[in-house]
Amino acid sequence: MEELNSYICCTFVYVVVMLFGSCKGVIKLPENMTIPAVYAFGDSIVDQGNNNLLKTLIYCNFLPYGQDFPGGFPSGRFTNGKTPPDLIAKELGIKELIPAYSDKNLTVKDLPTGVSFASGGCGYDPQTSKIVSVTSLSEQLEHFKEYIGKLKGAVGEEGTNKILKEGLFLLVAGSDDLANTYFTVGIRRMQYDISSYADLLVASASDFIQAIYKLGARRIAVFSLPPIGCLPFQRTLAGGSKRDCADNYNKAAQLVNSKLSLQLLDLNNGTLPQSRVVYIDVYNPLLDLILHPQNYDNAAEELGIKELVPAYLDPNLQPQDLLTGVNFASGGSGFDPLTSNVVSVLSLSDQLQRFKEYIAKLEHMIGEQKTSTLLNEALFTIVSGSNDMTNTYFGTVPLRRSQYDVSAYTDLLVSYASAFVQDVYKLGGRRMGVFGLAPLGCLPSQRSLKGGVERKCVDLYNQVAEMFNHKLSVELSSLSARYPDATLIYIDIYHLPLDLVRYPLKYGFQVSDKGCCGTGTIEVAFLCKYTCENASEYVFWDSFHLTENAYRLLVHDILTTSISNFVS
């Protein structure tokens, strides 16, 4: 369930990026813009524990709820860990957790950064809350008024007005109205057809939005209904013997969503001046997640292209694979041609020749014009340099150290990188992400070789990586000016991996100083003969490469911070 909440958060964060600015690690807003607080109203999706003190059956402050929450504590959140308000607040750099307004441990210092008034089981229809004895939206509104009084006592009226004006308000409701009040209990079905009931819900939502606007809210995110017919509970009740998604429930959700989005347009067109009321579509991404769970994996998948990018030399490569991209890379290669020669792998010049061969195949399939368009619009990733530094320069046999000091050698690598980027450009590549170096001194192999008895990160190697990265980013900026029709982006893979190594628990890992395979301290490739029991606990797979889970975090970070740069 927390993965689903994370996905809802990612969907929402994308909208925030589009509205307020670009994302880098956490969302980076323009200098003159701040979001000091997050507020939540509605149902169980954003209930942080407000139902704990109610006399209702709709509560969850017991295990296994909260088993993955910090400390394994069942806080009353309706999931195994954190909820969208928590994840959104963290992405915005506000705080780690959004507390429930009714939390008895709530302090005055919690108030300026936001709270949740939501109550699991609530709906836009007042009848929905009454059925299960939870806090209705009108009661949540009263709590919000009470909160405003407390906030004024803490930061003054002017400070309160500023926080409310700049704060982010989340409104999540409607699922319980349809799933419970209308379809399951059926109380409203005797009074309304589905279209009329949708009108009732949208009118209630509109009234609530206008009510919080009058109290000072100006940035309001209204979540759509999810595909409620695909919720496990509804599939069991209405999905037949095969537990299929209940289409009539999903169609009802779509009807409400359609009317809700139109109503929000009306509110934005002058009804609520100096405000932004944003419709957040969670229906379509969640439906796709449910119907195609296998699609949500790594870069090509995050871009919606395909599940796996094949090797160009794969004997099972099919002609149709050519249309969506292939991989020419060779493990052990580097920008420096000597690096590839030492271990007898494909150099970048060899890879370039195979790329030319690929282009010829593509032109034969779809013609020169379409091939040119495909190459112009495709995303090219260039990842190299680590082997140059760790093996060719700093390795046991220092092949280049006798010829270059470290500054001169990084200059040499950057010149090779620049030449390769220009070669790809000449062949049609226009969107290129060129990766910097990772924190090489923190690779398990380098800690074993040069980190002393305690296997500490090797500061010198990390400093060299940073030197190279700076020079590479400067060169890419220069090339961008020379080739204005191209988008050449420097991709930072130094800082997040360094954070993974330093604070593995923060990202759900246990081990970051050694790999999963072998002893984890030195083995790589053919030396890996056995593995750890649970690779998901490890940042590194072997002594040099990350695990899939770590790559997944890195790829997501790269796409959220950089992909918008490739959109013209």
Protein backbone atom coordinates (compact mmCIF):
# COMPACT_ATOMS: atom_id res chain seq x y z
CA MET A 1 0.00 0.00 0.00
CA GLU A 2 2.85 2.42 0.72
CA GLU A 3 4.07 1.86 -2.86
CA LEU A 4 0.61 2.96 -4.05
CA ASN A 5 0.79 6.04 -1.81
CA SER A 6 4.25 6.76 -3.20
CA TYR A 7 2.88 6.54 -6.72
CA ILE A 8 0.04 8.93 -5.83
CA CYS A 9 2.68 11.26 -4.42
CA CYS A 10 4.80 11.04 -7.59
CA THR A 11 1.75 11.86 -9.70
CA PHE A 12 1.00 14.85 -7.51
CA VAL A 13 4.61 16.01 -7.34
CA TYR A 14 4.73 16.03 -11.15
CA VAL A 15 1.79 18.47 -11.12
CA VAL A 16 3.51 20.64 -8.51
CA VAL A 17 6.61 20.72 -10.70
CA MET A 18 4.52 21.82 -13.66
CA LEU A 19 2.82 24.54 -11.60
CA PHE A 20 5.58 25.88 -9.45
CA GLY A 21 8.98 24.92 -10.82
CA SER A 22 11.48 22.14 -11.46
CA CYS A 23 12.40 19.31 -9.15
CA LYS A 24 15.89 18.54 -7.86
CA GLY A 25 16.09 15.95 -5.08
CA VAL A 26 13.21 17.71 -3.41
CA ILE A 27 11.09 20.08 -5.46
CA LYS A 28 12.98 23.29 -6.06
CA LEU A 29 10.62 26.25 -6.31
CA PRO A 30 11.47 29.64 -7.83
CA GLU A 31 13.35 31.92 -5.44
CA ASN A 32 10.36 34.17 -4.80
CA MET A 33 8.01 31.27 -4.05
CA THR A 34 7.62 29.14 -0.95
CA ILE A 35 5.26 26.42 0.24
CA PRO A 36 5.55 26.55 4.03
CA ALA A 37 2.80 24.09 4.96
CA VAL A 38 0.73 21.12 3.77
CA TYR A 39 -2.90 20.69 4.87
CA ALA A 40 -5.11 17.68 4.19
CA PHE A 41 -8.88 17.28 4.23
CA GLY A 42 -10.97 14.31 3.25
CA ASP A 43 -10.81 10.56 3.76
CA SER A 44 -8.49 7.68 4.70
CA ILE A 45 -5.95 8.41 1.95
CA VAL A 46 -4.86 11.50 3.89
CA ASP A 47 -6.02 10.62 7.44
CA GLN A 48 -2.89 10.73 9.60
CA GLY A 49 -4.59 9.26 12.67
CA ASN A 50 -7.57 11.53 13.35
CA ASN A 51 -9.90 8.52 13.69
CA ASN A 52 -7.89 7.10 16.59
CA LEU A 53 -9.97 8.99 19.15
CA LEU A 54 -13.37 8.47 17.51
CA LYS A 55 -15.99 5.89 18.49
CA THR A 56 -15.98 4.27 15.08
CA LEU A 57 -15.05 0.98 13.48
CA ILE A 58 -13.04 2.88 10.87
CA TYR A 59 -9.67 3.07 12.62
CA CYS A 60 -6.31 1.36 12.17
CA ASN A 61 -3.94 2.21 15.01
CA PHE A 62 -2.91 -1.43 15.32
CA LEU A 63 -0.50 -3.73 13.52
CA PRO A 64 0.02 -4.73 10.74
CA TYR A 65 -0.92 -1.14 9.81
CA GLY A 66 2.20 0.96 10.21
CA GLN A 67 4.60 -1.98 10.09
CA ASP A 68 6.85 0.02 7.74
CA PHE A 69 6.24 3.37 9.44
CA PRO A 70 9.24 4.80 11.32
CA GLY A 71 9.68 2.64 14.38
CA GLY A 72 7.08 0.14 13.12
CA PHE A 73 4.46 2.27 14.87
CA PRO A 74 0.76 1.98 13.93
CA SER A 75 0.01 5.72 13.89
CA GLY A 76 -3.54 5.43 12.55
CA ARG A 77 -2.54 5.95 8.92
CA PHE A 78 -4.45 3.61 6.61
CA THR A 79 -1.36 2.02 5.06
CA ASN A 80 1.78 0.12 5.97
CA GLY A 81 3.91 3.27 6.18
CA LYS A 82 3.68 6.90 5.12
CA THR A 83 0.78 8.56 3.32
CA PRO A 84 0.67 11.07 0.45
CA PRO A 85 0.71 14.13 2.79
CA ASP A 86 3.93 12.82 4.41
CA LEU A 87 5.56 12.06 1.08
CA ILE A 88 4.49 15.37 -0.46
CA ALA A 89 5.71 17.37 2.54
CA LYS A 90 9.07 15.64 2.32
CA GLU A 91 9.35 16.22 -1.44
CA LEU A 92 8.64 19.91 -0.82
CA GLY A 93 11.32 20.00 1.87
CA ILE A 94 8.86 21.01 4.61
CA LYS A 95 9.09 18.18 7.12
CA GLU A 96 9.21 14.41 7.39
CA LEU A 97 5.64 13.76 8.61
CA ILE A 98 2.35 15.67 8.56
CA PRO A 99 0.63 15.10 11.93
CA ALA A 100 -3.06 14.54 12.59
CA TYR A 101 -4.72 17.66 14.02
CA SER A 102 -6.22 15.53 16.81
CA ASP A 103 -2.85 14.01 17.75
CA LYS A 104 -2.48 14.47 21.49
CA ASN A 105 1.26 14.97 20.98
CA LEU A 106 0.74 17.90 18.58
CA THR A 107 2.74 20.94 19.68
CA VAL A 108 2.52 24.62 18.80
CA LYS A 109 5.66 24.31 16.66
CA ASP A 110 3.86 21.74 14.46
CA LEU A 111 1.14 24.20 13.48
CA PRO A 112 2.99 26.48 11.01
CA THR A 113 4.00 23.59 8.73
CA GLY A 114 0.58 22.01 8.37
CA VAL A 115 -1.64 19.27 9.74
CA SER A 116 -4.26 16.84 8.50
CA PHE A 117 -7.92 17.21 9.39
CA ALA A 118 -8.97 14.19 7.31
CA SER A 119 -11.03 11.30 8.64
CA GLY A 120 -11.10 7.81 7.14
CA GLY A 121 -14.58 6.96 5.87
CA CYS A 122 -15.50 10.58 5.15
CA GLY A 123 -17.02 11.74 1.88
CA TYR A 124 -18.41 14.75 0.07
CA ASP A 125 -21.89 13.45 0.92
CA PRO A 126 -22.61 14.22 4.62
CA GLN A 127 -24.49 10.92 4.84
CA THR A 128 -21.27 8.98 4.19
CA SER A 129 -19.63 10.19 7.41
CA LYS A 130 -22.78 9.63 9.47
CA ILE A 131 -23.05 5.96 8.48
CA VAL A 132 -19.66 5.10 10.00
CA SER A 133 -19.50 7.82 12.71
CA VAL A 134 -16.44 9.69 11.43
CA THR A 135 -15.61 13.37 11.03
CA SER A 136 -17.51 14.99 8.16
CA LEU A 137 -16.08 17.69 5.91
CA SER A 138 -18.17 20.30 7.69
CA GLU A 139 -16.68 19.18 11.01
CA GLN A 140 -13.20 19.20 9.49
CA LEU A 141 -13.89 22.78 8.45
CA GLU A 142 -14.73 23.68 12.06
CA HIS A 143 -11.47 22.09 13.19
CA PHE A 144 -9.66 24.17 10.57
CA LYS A 145 -11.23 27.35 11.98
CA GLU A 146 -10.09 26.28 15.45
CA TYR A 147 -6.60 25.64 14.06
CA ILE A 148 -6.47 29.13 12.52
CA GLY A 149 -7.17 30.60 15.95
CA LYS A 150 -4.30 28.63 17.44
CA LEU A 151 -1.98 29.59 14.58
CA LYS A 152 -2.74 33.27 15.09
CA GLY A 153 -1.78 32.82 18.73
CA ALA A 154 1.52 31.30 17.66
CA VAL A 155 2.63 33.49 14.72
CA GLY A 156 0.20 36.43 14.68
CA GLU A 157 -2.50 37.33 12.19
CA GLU A 158 -0.13 38.51 9.45
CA GLY A 159 2.01 35.39 9.75
CA THR A 160 -1.09 33.20 9.69
CA ASN A 161 -2.45 34.86 6.56
CA LYS A 162 0.88 34.37 4.81
CA ILE A 163 1.11 30.67 5.76
CA LEU A 164 -2.45 29.99 4.60
CA LYS A 165 -1.96 31.92 1.37
CA GLU A 166 1.26 30.08 0.49
CA GLY A 167 0.37 26.69 2.00
CA LEU A 168 -0.73 23.70 -0.05
CA PHE A 169 -4.21 22.30 0.62
CA LEU A 170 -5.04 18.71 -0.36
CA LEU A 171 -8.65 17.61 -0.75
CA VAL A 172 -9.18 13.86 -1.18
CA ALA A 173 -12.72 12.48 -1.00
CA GLY A 174 -15.49 10.81 -2.98
CA SER A 175 -14.37 7.17 -3.00
CA ASP A 176 -16.38 6.26 0.11
CA ASP A 177 -19.41 8.08 -1.28
CA LEU A 178 -19.53 5.87 -4.37
CA ALA A 179 -18.12 2.62 -3.00
CA ASN A 180 -20.08 2.60 0.25
CA THR A 181 -22.99 5.03 0.39
CA TYR A 182 -24.12 4.56 -3.20
CA PHE A 183 -23.13 1.07 -4.36
CA THR A 184 -22.65 -1.08 -1.24
CA VAL A 185 -25.08 0.23 1.38
CA GLY A 186 -27.27 1.67 -1.36
CA ILE A 187 -28.80 4.44 0.75
CA ARG A 188 -28.52 7.04 -2.00
CA ARG A 189 -29.41 4.77 -4.90
CA MET A 190 -33.06 4.98 -3.96
CA GLN A 191 -32.91 8.80 -4.20
CA TYR A 192 -30.52 9.51 -7.09
CA ASP A 193 -29.44 7.99 -10.37
CA ILE A 194 -25.67 7.97 -10.76
CA SER A 195 -25.51 11.21 -12.74
CA SER A 196 -27.57 13.10 -10.15
CA TYR A 197 -25.48 11.69 -7.31
CA ALA A 198 -22.31 12.76 -9.10
CA ASP A 199 -23.80 16.28 -9.29
CA LEU A 200 -24.45 16.15 -5.53
CA LEU A 201 -20.84 15.18 -4.79
CA VAL A 202 -19.38 17.84 -7.07
CA ALA A 203 -21.62 20.54 -5.56
CA SER A 204 -20.44 19.54 -2.09
CA ALA A 205 -16.81 19.60 -3.21
CA SER A 206 -17.28 23.04 -4.73
CA ASP A 207 -18.87 24.39 -1.55
CA PHE A 208 -16.01 23.05 0.55
CA ILE A 209 -13.36 24.55 -1.70
CA GLN A 210 -15.04 27.94 -1.52
CA ALA A 211 -15.30 27.63 2.25
CA ILE A 212 -11.56 27.06 2.76
CA TYR A 213 -10.86 29.80 0.22
CA LYS A 214 -12.83 32.25 2.40
CA LEU A 215 -10.66 31.18 5.33
CA GLY A 216 -7.43 31.99 3.45
CA ALA A 217 -6.52 28.99 1.28
CA ARG A 218 -5.19 29.91 -2.16
CA ARG A 219 -3.36 26.81 -3.42
CA ILE A 220 -5.78 23.92 -3.47
CA ALA A 221 -5.15 20.49 -5.00
CA VAL A 222 -8.30 18.44 -5.50
CA PHE A 223 -7.70 14.75 -6.11
CA SER A 224 -9.87 12.84 -8.55
CA LEU A 225 -11.54 9.59 -7.58
CA PRO A 226 -9.37 6.53 -8.21
CA PRO A 227 -10.62 3.54 -10.25
CA ILE A 228 -12.71 2.30 -7.32
CA GLY A 229 -13.93 -0.71 -9.27
CA CYS A 230 -10.39 -2.09 -9.17
CA LEU A 231 -9.97 -1.81 -5.40
CA PRO A 232 -9.58 -5.34 -3.98
CA PHE A 233 -12.68 -4.90 -1.77
CA GLN A 234 -14.89 -3.86 -4.69
CA ARG A 235 -13.50 -6.59 -6.94
CA THR A 236 -14.51 -9.11 -4.28
CA LEU A 237 -18.01 -7.66 -3.88
CA ALA A 238 -18.84 -6.81 -7.48
CA GLY A 239 -16.19 -8.40 -9.72
CA GLY A 240 -17.73 -11.83 -10.10
CA SER A 241 -16.02 -15.17 -9.58
CA LYS A 242 -12.85 -13.95 -11.33
CA ARG A 243 -12.72 -10.78 -9.20
CA ASP A 244 -12.43 -8.55 -12.27
CA CYS A 245 -12.49 -4.77 -11.95
CA ALA A 246 -16.12 -3.63 -11.58
CA ASP A 247 -16.63 -1.56 -14.74
CA ASN A 248 -19.78 0.20 -13.53
CA TYR A 249 -17.95 1.46 -10.46
CA ASN A 250 -15.08 2.75 -12.60
CA LYS A 251 -17.48 4.44 -15.01
CA ALA A 252 -19.17 6.14 -12.06
CA ALA A 253 -15.78 7.37 -10.83
CA GLN A 254 -15.00 8.72 -14.30
CA LEU A 255 -18.35 10.50 -14.40
CA VAL A 256 -17.66 12.21 -11.08
CA ASN A 257 -14.13 13.09 -12.22
CA SER A 258 -15.40 14.62 -15.46
CA LYS A 259 -17.92 16.80 -13.64
CA LEU A 260 -15.43 17.69 -10.91
CA SER A 261 -12.75 18.84 -13.37
CA LEU A 262 -15.31 21.05 -15.17
CA GLN A 263 -16.44 22.56 -11.87
CA LEU A 264 -12.85 23.37 -10.93
CA LEU A 265 -12.42 25.16 -14.26
CA ASP A 266 -15.42 27.32 -13.38
CA LEU A 267 -13.93 28.10 -9.96
CA ASN A 268 -10.64 29.09 -11.57
CA ASN A 269 -12.36 31.39 -14.07
CA GLY A 270 -12.96 34.30 -11.73
CA THR A 271 -14.98 32.78 -8.88
CA LEU A 272 -11.93 32.51 -6.64
CA PRO A 273 -9.52 35.35 -7.56
CA GLN A 274 -5.80 35.06 -6.82
CA SER A 275 -6.07 31.32 -6.27
CA ARG A 276 -5.05 28.10 -7.98
CA VAL A 277 -7.41 25.20 -7.72
CA VAL A 278 -5.81 22.23 -9.45
CA TYR A 279 -7.46 18.97 -10.47
CA ILE A 280 -5.13 16.02 -9.75
CA ASP A 281 -5.84 13.01 -11.92
CA VAL A 282 -5.08 9.87 -9.93
CA TYR A 283 -7.55 7.73 -11.87
CA ASN A 284 -5.54 7.08 -15.03
CA PRO A 285 -2.06 6.52 -13.55
CA LEU A 286 -3.46 4.21 -10.86
CA LEU A 287 -5.53 2.26 -13.36
CA ASP A 288 -2.44 1.79 -15.50
CA LEU A 289 -0.48 0.72 -12.42
CA ILE A 290 -3.15 -1.88 -11.61
CA LEU A 291 -3.57 -3.18 -15.16
CA HIS A 292 0.12 -3.11 -16.10
CA PRO A 293 2.18 -3.45 -12.91
CA GLN A 294 5.11 -4.86 -14.87
CA ASN A 295 5.54 -1.54 -16.67
CA TYR A 296 6.72 0.35 -13.62
CA ASP A 297 10.39 -0.45 -13.59
CA ASN A 298 13.49 1.66 -14.43
CA ALA A 299 14.17 4.31 -17.08
CA ALA A 300 12.63 2.99 -20.29
CA GLU A 301 9.62 1.90 -18.27
CA GLU A 302 9.30 5.24 -16.46
CA LEU A 303 9.26 6.86 -19.88
CA GLY A 304 6.56 4.40 -20.96
CA ILE A 305 8.72 2.90 -23.74
CA LYS A 306 9.30 -0.75 -22.81
CA GLU A 307 10.27 -2.98 -19.93
CA LEU A 308 13.82 -3.85 -20.99
CA VAL A 309 16.33 -2.23 -23.34
CA PRO A 310 18.16 -5.06 -25.15
CA ALA A 311 21.84 -5.35 -25.94
CA TYR A 312 22.55 -4.60 -29.59
CA LEU A 313 24.55 -7.81 -29.87
CA ASP A 314 21.81 -9.94 -28.32
CA PRO A 315 21.27 -12.91 -30.72
CA ASN A 316 17.55 -12.77 -29.90
CA LEU A 317 17.23 -9.12 -30.95
CA GLN A 318 14.17 -8.65 -33.15
CA PRO A 319 13.73 -6.00 -35.90
CA GLN A 320 10.93 -4.34 -33.91
CA ASP A 321 13.36 -3.87 -31.00
CA LEU A 322 15.34 -1.44 -33.12
CA LEU A 323 12.50 1.08 -33.11
CA THR A 324 12.54 1.60 -29.34
CA GLY A 325 16.25 1.61 -28.65
CA VAL A 326 19.15 -0.70 -27.89
CA ASN A 327 22.29 -0.68 -25.77
CA PHE A 328 25.80 -0.52 -27.27
CA ALA A 329 27.65 -0.29 -23.95
CA SER A 330 30.41 -2.66 -22.88
CA GLY A 331 31.37 -3.34 -19.26
CA GLY A 332 34.96 -2.30 -18.53
CA SER A 333 34.98 0.37 -21.24
CA GLY A 334 35.99 3.99 -20.68
CA PHE A 335 36.42 7.33 -22.39
CA ASP A 336 40.15 6.54 -22.58
CA PRO A 337 40.70 3.95 -25.42
CA LEU A 338 43.44 2.31 -23.34
CA THR A 339 40.88 1.32 -20.69
CA SER A 340 39.00 -0.91 -23.13
CA ASN A 341 42.17 -2.34 -24.64
CA VAL A 342 43.48 -3.52 -21.25
CA VAL A 343 40.46 -5.78 -20.61
CA SER A 344 39.58 -6.55 -24.25
CA VAL A 345 36.08 -5.02 -24.33
CA LEU A 346 34.36 -2.74 -26.83
CA SER A 347 35.75 0.79 -26.85
CA LEU A 348 33.55 3.83 -27.47
CA SER A 349 34.84 3.96 -31.06
CA ASP A 350 33.78 0.32 -31.49
CA GLN A 351 30.37 1.16 -30.03
CA LEU A 352 30.08 4.09 -32.45
CA GLN A 353 30.67 1.77 -35.40
CA ARG A 354 27.88 -0.50 -34.20
CA PHE A 355 25.63 2.54 -33.86
CA LYS A 356 26.29 3.36 -37.52
CA GLU A 357 25.42 -0.24 -38.42
CA TYR A 358 22.21 0.08 -36.37
CA ILE A 359 21.25 3.27 -38.25
CA ALA A 360 21.64 1.48 -41.56
CA LYS A 361 19.34 -1.32 -40.37
CA LEU A 362 16.82 1.23 -39.15
CA GLU A 363 16.84 3.11 -42.47
CA HIS A 364 16.24 -0.15 -44.30
CA MET A 365 13.22 -0.82 -42.06
CA ILE A 366 11.49 2.55 -41.91
CA GLY A 367 13.27 4.80 -44.36
CA GLU A 368 15.76 7.64 -43.99
CA GLN A 369 13.21 10.33 -43.05
CA LYS A 370 11.62 8.36 -40.18
CA THR A 371 15.01 7.22 -38.97
CA SER A 372 16.17 10.81 -38.79
CA THR A 373 13.07 11.80 -36.83
CA LEU A 374 13.45 8.87 -34.45
CA LEU A 375 17.10 9.71 -33.73
CA ASN A 376 16.28 13.40 -33.25
CA GLU A 377 13.59 12.60 -30.68
CA ALA A 378 15.28 9.66 -28.94
CA LEU A 379 17.08 9.87 -25.61
CA PHE A 380 20.80 8.96 -25.67
CA THR A 381 22.58 8.10 -22.43
CA ILE A 382 26.37 8.11 -22.16
CA VAL A 383 27.85 6.56 -19.01
CA SER A 384 31.61 6.20 -18.78
CA GLY A 385 34.74 7.29 -16.92
CA SER A 386 34.64 5.19 -13.74
CA ASN A 387 36.86 2.44 -15.16
CA ASP A 388 39.27 5.06 -16.47
CA MET A 389 39.84 6.43 -12.99
CA THR A 390 39.64 3.30 -10.82
CA ASN A 391 41.49 0.93 -13.16
CA THR A 392 43.57 2.75 -15.76
CA TYR A 393 44.71 5.63 -13.54
CA PHE A 394 44.51 4.54 -9.90
CA GLY A 395 44.65 0.77 -10.50
CA THR A 396 47.30 -1.70 -9.43
CA VAL A 397 49.09 -1.11 -12.74
CA PRO A 398 49.03 2.71 -13.05
CA LEU A 399 49.10 2.85 -16.84
CA ARG A 400 48.35 6.56 -17.14
CA ARG A 401 49.78 7.94 -13.88
CA SER A 402 53.28 7.99 -15.32
CA GLN A 403 52.06 10.16 -18.21
CA TYR A 404 49.53 12.53 -16.62
CA ASP A 405 48.83 14.17 -13.29
CA VAL A 406 45.21 13.81 -12.22
CA SER A 407 44.14 17.22 -13.56
CA ALA A 408 45.65 16.52 -16.98
CA TYR A 409 44.07 13.07 -17.08
CA THR A 410 40.60 14.43 -16.31
CA ASP A 411 41.16 16.93 -19.13
CA LEU A 412 41.99 14.02 -21.44
CA LEU A 413 38.80 12.14 -20.44
CA VAL A 414 36.63 15.20 -20.94
CA SER A 415 38.12 15.77 -24.39
CA TYR A 416 37.31 12.16 -25.34
CA ALA A 417 33.79 12.57 -23.95
CA SER A 418 33.30 15.78 -25.92
CA ALA A 419 34.49 14.16 -29.15
CA PHE A 420 32.12 11.22 -28.64
CA VAL A 421 29.13 13.49 -27.97
CA GLN A 422 29.89 15.37 -31.19
CA ASP A 423 30.17 12.10 -33.13
CA VAL A 424 26.73 11.02 -31.91
CA TYR A 425 25.39 14.46 -32.83
CA LYS A 426 26.72 14.13 -36.37
CA LEU A 427 24.88 10.81 -36.68
CA GLY A 428 21.56 12.36 -35.63
CA GLY A 429 21.48 12.33 -31.82
CA ARG A 430 19.95 15.51 -30.41
CA ARG A 431 18.92 14.61 -26.86
CA MET A 432 21.83 13.34 -24.81
CA GLY A 433 22.22 12.76 -21.10
CA VAL A 434 25.90 12.47 -20.20
CA PHE A 435 26.47 10.97 -16.77
CA GLY A 436 29.08 12.27 -14.41
CA LEU A 437 31.13 10.00 -12.16
CA ALA A 438 29.75 8.40 -9.02
CA PRO A 439 31.59 8.83 -5.68
CA LEU A 440 34.31 6.37 -6.71
CA GLY A 441 36.02 6.41 -3.34
CA CYS A 442 32.93 4.89 -1.74
CA LEU A 443 32.71 1.88 -4.05
CA PRO A 444 33.24 -1.26 -1.94
CA SER A 445 36.24 -2.32 -4.07
CA GLN A 446 37.99 1.02 -3.61
CA ARG A 447 37.27 1.08 0.13
CA SER A 448 38.90 -2.37 0.36
CA LEU A 449 41.93 -1.38 -1.72
CA LYS A 450 42.58 2.14 -0.43
CA GLY A 451 40.29 2.78 2.55
CA GLY A 452 42.56 1.40 5.24
CA VAL A 453 41.71 -1.13 7.92
CA GLU A 454 38.32 0.50 8.56
CA ARG A 455 37.49 0.52 4.82
CA LYS A 456 36.52 4.17 4.81
CA CYS A 457 35.57 6.08 1.66
CA VAL A 458 38.68 7.24 -0.18
CA ASP A 459 38.47 11.03 -0.16
CA LEU A 460 41.06 11.49 -2.92
CA TYR A 461 39.06 9.38 -5.37
CA ASN A 462 35.86 11.27 -4.56
CA GLN A 463 37.64 14.60 -5.05
CA VAL A 464 38.90 13.45 -8.45
CA ALA A 465 35.37 12.38 -9.42
CA GLU A 466 34.09 15.84 -8.47
CA MET A 467 36.88 17.49 -10.47
CA PHE A 468 35.98 15.46 -13.55
CA ASN A 469 32.27 16.15 -13.08
CA HIS A 470 32.83 19.90 -12.93
CA LYS A 471 34.94 19.89 -16.08
CA LEU A 472 32.44 17.67 -17.89
CA SER A 473 29.48 19.91 -17.01
CA VAL A 474 31.38 22.99 -18.22
CA GLU A 475 32.25 21.26 -21.51
CA LEU A 476 28.63 20.20 -22.06
CA SER A 477 27.51 23.79 -21.52
CA SER A 478 30.02 24.88 -24.15
CA LEU A 479 28.80 22.22 -26.59
CA SER A 480 25.20 23.26 -25.98
CA ALA A 481 26.07 26.78 -27.09
CA ARG A 482 27.81 25.40 -30.18
CA TYR A 483 24.90 23.11 -31.10
CA PRO A 484 21.73 25.06 -30.23
CA ASP A 485 19.43 22.47 -31.85
CA ALA A 486 20.68 19.82 -29.40
CA THR A 487 19.88 19.27 -25.72
CA LEU A 488 23.03 18.11 -23.93
CA ILE A 489 22.45 17.54 -20.23
CA TYR A 490 24.94 16.74 -17.50
CA ILE A 491 23.45 14.02 -15.27
CA ASP A 492 24.59 14.13 -11.64
CA ILE A 493 25.01 10.63 -10.22
CA TYR A 494 27.46 11.71 -7.54
CA HIS A 495 25.27 13.15 -4.82
CA LEU A 496 22.39 10.66 -4.51
CA PRO A 497 24.67 7.58 -4.42
CA LEU A 498 26.82 9.35 -1.84
CA ASP A 499 23.70 9.95 0.25
CA LEU A 500 22.72 6.28 -0.19
CA VAL A 501 26.13 5.24 1.11
CA ARG A 502 26.09 7.63 4.06
CA TYR A 503 22.44 7.21 5.08
CA PRO A 504 21.25 3.81 3.81
CA LEU A 505 18.44 3.49 6.37
CA LYS A 506 16.87 6.67 5.03
CA TYR A 507 16.26 4.85 1.73
CA GLY A 508 15.29 1.46 3.14
CA PHE A 509 18.71 -0.21 2.88
CA GLN A 510 20.76 -1.88 5.61
CA VAL A 511 24.23 -2.30 4.06
CA SER A 512 26.16 0.28 2.04
CA ASP A 513 29.85 -0.48 2.59
CA LYS A 514 29.93 -3.81 0.77
CA GLY A 515 28.11 -5.61 -2.01
CA CYS A 516 25.68 -8.51 -1.91
CA CYS A 517 27.79 -10.88 -4.00
CA GLY A 518 30.70 -12.79 -2.50
CA THR A 519 32.28 -11.09 0.50
CA GLY A 520 31.03 -7.84 -1.04
CA THR A 521 34.40 -6.21 -0.59
CA ILE A 522 36.30 -6.92 -3.80
CA GLU A 523 34.40 -9.35 -6.07
CA VAL A 524 32.99 -8.32 -9.42
CA ALA A 525 31.97 -10.17 -12.62
CA PHE A 526 33.31 -13.76 -12.74
CA LEU A 527 34.57 -13.53 -9.15
CA CYS A 528 30.98 -13.45 -7.85
CA LYS A 529 30.29 -17.05 -6.86
CA TYR A 530 27.60 -16.66 -4.18
CA THR A 531 25.27 -13.93 -2.95
CA CYS A 532 23.67 -12.57 0.19
CA GLU A 533 20.20 -13.71 1.27
CA ASN A 534 18.37 -10.44 0.59
CA ALA A 535 19.74 -8.13 -2.11
CA SER A 536 17.04 -5.53 -1.34
CA GLU A 537 18.93 -4.66 1.86
CA TYR A 538 22.09 -3.73 -0.08
CA VAL A 539 23.01 -0.54 -1.93
CA PHE A 540 25.66 -2.39 -3.96
CA TRP A 541 25.25 -5.66 -5.87
CA ASP A 542 28.96 -6.37 -6.23
CA SER A 543 31.98 -4.32 -5.26
CA PHE A 544 31.40 -1.87 -8.11
CA HIS A 545 27.74 -1.86 -9.22
CA LEU A 546 24.48 -0.90 -7.54
CA THR A 547 21.57 -3.27 -6.85
CA GLU A 548 18.36 -2.96 -8.86
CA ASN A 549 16.63 -1.18 -5.97
CA ALA A 550 19.41 1.39 -5.76
CA TYR A 551 19.37 1.83 -9.54
CA ARG A 552 15.62 2.30 -9.37
CA LEU A 553 16.02 5.21 -6.93
CA LEU A 554 18.78 6.71 -9.04
CA VAL A 555 16.85 6.41 -12.30
CA HIS A 556 13.74 7.95 -10.77
CA ASP A 557 15.81 10.82 -9.40
CA ILE A 558 17.44 11.38 -12.80
CA LEU A 559 14.12 11.40 -14.63
CA THR A 560 12.36 13.71 -12.18
CA THR A 561 15.26 16.16 -12.18
CA SER A 562 16.31 16.02 -15.82
CA ILE A 563 13.64 14.72 -18.18
CA SER A 564 11.89 18.08 -18.49
CA ASN A 565 15.12 19.45 -20.01
CA PHE A 566 14.57 17.21 -23.02
CA VAL A 567 11.07 18.51 -23.73
CA SER A 568 11.21 21.26 -26.31
